[in-house]
Amino acid sequence: MTTPHEIPPVNGVELSGIRNRNEKRVATLMPGLLEEEAPGHQFDPLDLQDIFALTLNLLPPRYSQRGSIVISNKLPDDEIRQQMREAVKRVLANPTRSGD
């Protein structure tokens, strides 16, 4: 279950509805790519969060809010996968462990 982003209003204007459109695409592509890159590997929850966040940081942001006009120049899945491979490589080389 997802929880709303906790972003305080600015001058009474709600900002929490603004989203990076890549978030859902990255999360959708992650399971398959993780199995390709590290078959059978049991990722720590913090590793998965790090891979997700790092992948988003490596991609150009695609922000939108309710009522905005979105001109379709979405990133190809191959570009997302390429950046996710880089994120997996970095996280596996420098894991964050919740028990450490």
C-alpha atoms as a PDB file:
ATOM      1  CA  MET A   1       0.000   0.000   0.000  1.00  0.00           C
ATOM      2  CA  THR A   2       1.389   3.381  -0.913  1.00  0.00           C
ATOM      3  CA  THR A   3       1.315   6.316   1.438  1.00  0.00           C
ATOM      4  CA  PRO A   4       1.064   9.919   0.336  1.00  0.00           C
ATOM      5  CA  HIS A   5       4.232  11.969   0.211  1.00  0.00           C
ATOM      6  CA  GLU A   6       4.443  14.169   3.249  1.00  0.00           C
ATOM      7  CA  ILE A   7       5.005  17.588   1.710  1.00  0.00           C
ATOM      8  CA  PRO A   8       3.743  20.626   3.588  1.00  0.00           C
ATOM      9  CA  PRO A   9       1.566  23.126   1.724  1.00  0.00           C
ATOM     10  CA  VAL A  10       3.250  26.336   0.586  1.00  0.00           C
ATOM     11  CA  ASN A  11       1.182  29.492   1.131  1.00  0.00           C
ATOM     12  CA  GLY A  12      -1.872  27.239   1.400  1.00  0.00           C
ATOM     13  CA  VAL A  13      -1.160  25.457  -1.893  1.00  0.00           C
ATOM     14  CA  GLU A  14      -1.042  21.650  -1.775  1.00  0.00           C
ATOM     15  CA  LEU A  15       2.086  20.256  -3.451  1.00  0.00           C
ATOM     16  CA  SER A  16       1.807  16.551  -2.613  1.00  0.00           C
ATOM     17  CA  GLY A  17       0.008  15.744  -5.878  1.00  0.00           C
ATOM     18  CA  ILE A  18       3.101  16.483  -7.959  1.00  0.00           C
ATOM     19  CA  ARG A  19       4.748  13.245  -9.064  1.00  0.00           C
ATOM     20  CA  ASN A  20       7.720  12.111 -11.079  1.00  0.00           C
ATOM     21  CA  ARG A  21       6.103  10.026 -13.818  1.00  0.00           C
ATOM     22  CA  ASN A  22       9.172   7.764 -13.888  1.00  0.00           C
ATOM     23  CA  GLU A  23       8.423   6.387 -10.392  1.00  0.00           C
ATOM     24  CA  LYS A  24       5.721   3.971 -11.529  1.00  0.00           C
ATOM     25  CA  ARG A  25       7.667   2.909 -14.621  1.00  0.00           C
ATOM     26  CA  VAL A  26      10.822   2.183 -12.597  1.00  0.00           C
ATOM     27  CA  ALA A  27       8.848   0.172 -10.014  1.00  0.00           C
ATOM     28  CA  THR A  28       7.130  -1.807 -12.791  1.00  0.00           C
ATOM     29  CA  LEU A  29      10.403  -2.655 -14.558  1.00  0.00           C
ATOM     30  CA  MET A  30      12.398  -3.439 -11.386  1.00  0.00           C
ATOM     31  CA  PRO A  31      11.336  -7.043 -10.674  1.00  0.00           C
ATOM     32  CA  GLY A  32      12.241  -8.328 -14.144  1.00  0.00           C
ATOM     33  CA  LEU A  33      15.513  -6.439 -14.307  1.00  0.00           C
ATOM     34  CA  LEU A  34      16.560  -7.553 -10.821  1.00  0.00           C
ATOM     35  CA  GLU A  35      15.982 -11.172 -11.818  1.00  0.00           C
ATOM     36  CA  GLU A  36      18.047 -10.647 -14.997  1.00  0.00           C
ATOM     37  CA  GLU A  37      20.925  -8.909 -13.226  1.00  0.00           C
ATOM     38  CA  ALA A  38      21.016 -10.940  -9.996  1.00  0.00           C
ATOM     39  CA  PRO A  39      19.041 -14.175 -10.419  1.00  0.00           C
ATOM     40  CA  GLY A  40      17.986 -15.626  -7.085  1.00  0.00           C
ATOM     41  CA  HIS A  41      19.608 -12.812  -5.079  1.00  0.00           C
ATOM     42  CA  GLN A  42      17.651 -11.846  -1.968  1.00  0.00           C
ATOM     43  CA  PHE A  43      17.822  -8.047  -1.869  1.00  0.00           C
ATOM     44  CA  ASP A  44      17.609  -6.317   1.489  1.00  0.00           C
ATOM     45  CA  PRO A  45      14.648  -3.883   1.609  1.00  0.00           C
ATOM     46  CA  LEU A  46      17.066  -0.951   1.913  1.00  0.00           C
ATOM     47  CA  ASP A  47      18.927  -2.180  -1.170  1.00  0.00           C
ATOM     48  CA  LEU A  48      15.667  -2.159  -3.149  1.00  0.00           C
ATOM     49  CA  GLN A  49      14.900   1.358  -1.952  1.00  0.00           C
ATOM     50  CA  ASP A  50      18.428   2.458  -2.857  1.00  0.00           C
ATOM     51  CA  ILE A  51      18.128   0.951  -6.349  1.00  0.00           C
ATOM     52  CA  PHE A  52      14.761   2.653  -6.871  1.00  0.00           C
ATOM     53  CA  ALA A  53      15.983   6.057  -5.663  1.00  0.00           C
ATOM     54  CA  LEU A  54      19.317   5.879  -7.482  1.00  0.00           C
ATOM     55  CA  THR A  55      17.619   4.884 -10.735  1.00  0.00           C
ATOM     56  CA  LEU A  56      15.278   7.882 -10.451  1.00  0.00           C
ATOM     57  CA  ASN A  57      18.242  10.150  -9.719  1.00  0.00           C
ATOM     58  CA  LEU A  58      20.051   8.888 -12.830  1.00  0.00           C
ATOM     59  CA  LEU A  59      17.049   9.612 -15.072  1.00  0.00           C
ATOM     60  CA  PRO A  60      15.829  13.026 -16.171  1.00  0.00           C
ATOM     61  CA  PRO A  61      12.811  13.933 -13.999  1.00  0.00           C
ATOM     62  CA  ARG A  62       9.335  13.861 -15.551  1.00  0.00           C
ATOM     63  CA  TYR A  63       7.156  15.794 -13.100  1.00  0.00           C
ATOM     64  CA  SER A  64       3.443  16.356 -13.547  1.00  0.00           C
ATOM     65  CA  GLN A  65       0.494  17.399 -11.439  1.00  0.00           C
ATOM     66  CA  ARG A  66      -3.259  17.007 -11.733  1.00  0.00           C
ATOM     67  CA  GLY A  67      -4.572  19.072 -14.603  1.00  0.00           C
ATOM     68  CA  SER A  68      -1.197  19.494 -16.299  1.00  0.00           C
ATOM     69  CA  ILE A  69      -0.770  18.892 -19.988  1.00  0.00           C
ATOM     70  CA  VAL A  70       1.703  16.062 -20.529  1.00  0.00           C
ATOM     71  CA  ILE A  71       3.449  16.114 -23.857  1.00  0.00           C
ATOM     72  CA  SER A  72       4.578  12.592 -24.570  1.00  0.00           C
ATOM     73  CA  ASN A  73       8.329  12.438 -24.780  1.00  0.00           C
ATOM     74  CA  LYS A  74       8.611   9.567 -22.376  1.00  0.00           C
ATOM     75  CA  LEU A  75      11.872   7.762 -21.919  1.00  0.00           C
ATOM     76  CA  PRO A  76      12.292   4.425 -23.671  1.00  0.00           C
ATOM     77  CA  ASP A  77      12.178   1.409 -21.348  1.00  0.00           C
ATOM     78  CA  ASP A  78      15.698   0.525 -22.526  1.00  0.00           C
ATOM     79  CA  GLU A  79      17.053   3.788 -21.118  1.00  0.00           C
ATOM     80  CA  ILE A  80      15.335   3.154 -17.789  1.00  0.00           C
ATOM     81  CA  ARG A  81      16.744  -0.388 -17.700  1.00  0.00           C
ATOM     82  CA  GLN A  82      20.235   0.882 -18.529  1.00  0.00           C
ATOM     83  CA  GLN A  83      20.186   3.327 -15.610  1.00  0.00           C
ATOM     84  CA  MET A  84      18.672   0.669 -13.339  1.00  0.00           C
ATOM     85  CA  ARG A  85      21.508  -1.728 -14.236  1.00  0.00           C
ATOM     86  CA  GLU A  86      23.959   0.967 -13.160  1.00  0.00           C
ATOM     87  CA  ALA A  87      22.027   1.442  -9.902  1.00  0.00           C
ATOM     88  CA  VAL A  88      22.004  -2.331  -9.211  1.00  0.00           C
ATOM     89  CA  LYS A  89      25.746  -2.511  -9.890  1.00  0.00           C
ATOM     90  CA  ARG A  90      26.454   0.353  -7.478  1.00  0.00           C
ATOM     91  CA  VAL A  91      24.185  -0.965  -4.733  1.00  0.00           C
ATOM     92  CA  LEU A  92      25.566  -4.505  -4.941  1.00  0.00           C
ATOM     93  CA  ALA A  93      29.083  -3.055  -4.687  1.00  0.00           C
ATOM     94  CA  ASN A  94      28.084  -0.822  -1.727  1.00  0.00           C
ATOM     95  CA  PRO A  95      25.095  -2.425   0.046  1.00  0.00           C
ATOM     96  CA  THR A  96      23.213  -0.729   2.872  1.00  0.00           C
ATOM     97  CA  ARG A  97      22.148  -3.234   5.471  1.00  0.00           C
ATOM     98  CA  SER A  98      19.369  -2.525   7.952  1.00  0.00           C
ATOM     99  CA  GLY A  99      21.085  -4.718  10.538  1.00  0.00           C
ATOM    100  CA  ASP A 100      24.468  -2.939  10.321  1.00  0.00           C
END
